[in-house]
Amino acid sequence: MIDFSFRCLGVNKGRNPRHILVTLGPSVSNRKPILESFLESLKEVEVLKTVFIKPLTHPSIRKEFARIKAREDEEKRKPSNHGCDLYYDFQRRTLLRDNVEIDHFR
């Protein structure tokens, strides 16, 4: 028997789908087969092609991403950065301005 629970998050407003939180049991050995079978079914069923899986992240990681995003927005608002190529490189986890690192994931 598979140990899991789920609940709907938010309120369905119009055509936008709601998020569903699925919590799998503590057994790690059961998680991988469940996720693999679910991903296979996503490819086969037309309605499920718009379903995405987003794993939960640790609060400290979310806080660091929020800090980097706030720094990126702050840098974009500066007049001195007008016309600069400013972006966050997800692979290297660095905030770059004209390919020069100005901040990084700590």
Protein backbone atom coordinates (compact mmCIF):
# COMPACT_ATOMS: atom_id res chain seq x y z
CA MET A 1 0.00 0.00 0.00
CA ILE A 2 1.24 3.48 -0.89
CA ASP A 3 1.31 6.02 1.93
CA PHE A 4 0.31 9.45 0.59
CA SER A 5 -2.04 12.34 1.16
CA PHE A 6 -3.14 15.31 -0.95
CA ARG A 7 -5.01 18.58 -0.61
CA CYS A 8 -6.03 21.35 -2.98
CA LEU A 9 -4.28 24.67 -2.54
CA GLY A 10 -5.97 27.96 -3.29
CA VAL A 11 -9.34 28.65 -4.85
CA ASN A 12 -10.26 27.79 -8.43
CA LYS A 13 -10.91 31.10 -10.21
CA GLY A 14 -12.13 30.68 -13.75
CA ARG A 15 -10.02 28.55 -16.07
CA ASN A 16 -6.83 28.65 -13.99
CA PRO A 17 -6.13 25.28 -12.39
CA ARG A 18 -5.42 24.94 -8.69
CA HIS A 19 -2.23 23.63 -7.23
CA ILE A 20 -2.39 20.27 -5.50
CA LEU A 21 -0.01 19.37 -2.70
CA VAL A 22 0.78 15.64 -2.71
CA THR A 23 2.72 14.38 0.28
CA LEU A 24 4.31 10.97 -0.05
CA GLY A 25 5.11 8.82 2.95
CA PRO A 26 8.49 8.67 4.66
CA SER A 27 9.67 5.66 2.65
CA VAL A 28 12.14 6.90 0.02
CA SER A 29 12.01 3.58 -1.84
CA ASN A 30 8.33 4.18 -2.69
CA ARG A 31 8.82 7.74 -3.96
CA LYS A 32 10.90 7.01 -7.04
CA PRO A 33 8.52 4.43 -8.62
CA ILE A 34 5.53 6.68 -7.92
CA LEU A 35 7.16 9.70 -9.55
CA GLU A 36 8.37 7.65 -12.53
CA SER A 37 4.92 6.20 -13.20
CA PHE A 38 3.33 9.63 -12.79
CA LEU A 39 5.79 11.21 -15.26
CA GLU A 40 5.05 8.46 -17.79
CA SER A 41 1.31 9.08 -17.48
CA LEU A 42 1.85 12.81 -18.01
CA LYS A 43 3.29 12.12 -21.45
CA GLU A 44 0.44 9.83 -22.51
CA VAL A 45 -2.70 11.71 -21.43
CA GLU A 46 -3.55 14.92 -23.32
CA VAL A 47 -5.18 16.63 -20.32
CA LEU A 48 -2.14 16.01 -18.12
CA LYS A 49 0.39 17.56 -20.52
CA THR A 50 -0.01 20.89 -18.70
CA VAL A 51 0.70 19.38 -15.26
CA PHE A 52 4.08 20.29 -13.79
CA ILE A 53 5.88 18.87 -10.77
CA LYS A 54 7.64 21.34 -8.51
CA PRO A 55 9.58 19.83 -5.62
CA LEU A 56 9.57 21.64 -2.33
CA THR A 57 12.73 23.48 -1.42
CA HIS A 58 14.21 24.30 1.95
CA PRO A 59 13.16 27.73 3.34
CA SER A 60 16.76 28.93 3.47
CA ILE A 61 17.16 28.22 -0.26
CA ARG A 62 13.91 30.06 -1.06
CA LYS A 63 15.11 33.00 1.05
CA GLU A 64 18.43 33.13 -0.81
CA PHE A 65 16.67 33.03 -4.19
CA ALA A 66 14.42 35.88 -3.00
CA ARG A 67 17.49 37.87 -1.95
CA ILE A 68 19.14 37.37 -5.34
CA LYS A 69 15.89 38.31 -7.14
CA ALA A 70 15.56 41.48 -5.02
CA ARG A 71 19.18 42.36 -5.82
CA GLU A 72 18.51 41.81 -9.53
CA ASP A 73 15.45 44.10 -9.40
CA GLU A 74 17.45 46.71 -7.46
CA GLU A 75 20.27 46.61 -10.03
CA LYS A 76 17.80 46.94 -12.92
CA ARG A 77 16.33 50.10 -11.36
CA LYS A 78 19.71 51.82 -11.07
CA PRO A 79 20.25 54.46 -13.79
CA SER A 80 23.91 53.44 -14.09
CA ASN A 81 22.83 49.98 -15.31
CA HIS A 82 20.63 51.29 -18.13
CA GLY A 83 21.56 49.39 -21.28
CA CYS A 84 23.56 46.74 -19.40
CA ASP A 85 22.99 43.03 -19.87
CA LEU A 86 21.81 42.03 -16.37
CA TYR A 87 20.66 38.47 -15.67
CA TYR A 88 20.81 35.57 -13.21
CA ASP A 89 22.72 32.48 -14.40
CA PHE A 90 20.93 29.49 -12.85
CA GLN A 91 23.69 26.98 -13.60
CA ARG A 92 26.47 28.99 -11.95
CA ARG A 93 24.06 30.61 -9.45
CA THR A 94 25.46 34.07 -10.07
CA LEU A 95 23.99 37.47 -10.88
CA LEU A 96 25.83 38.92 -13.85
CA ARG A 97 26.09 42.40 -15.32
CA ASP A 98 27.73 42.40 -18.76
CA ASN A 99 29.19 38.93 -17.96
CA VAL A 100 30.81 40.19 -14.75
CA GLU A 101 29.68 38.60 -11.47
CA ILE A 102 28.12 41.11 -9.08
CA ASP A 103 26.47 38.66 -6.64
CA HIS A 104 26.30 34.93 -6.11
CA PHE A 105 24.28 32.30 -4.28
CA ARG A 106 25.66 31.88 -0.75
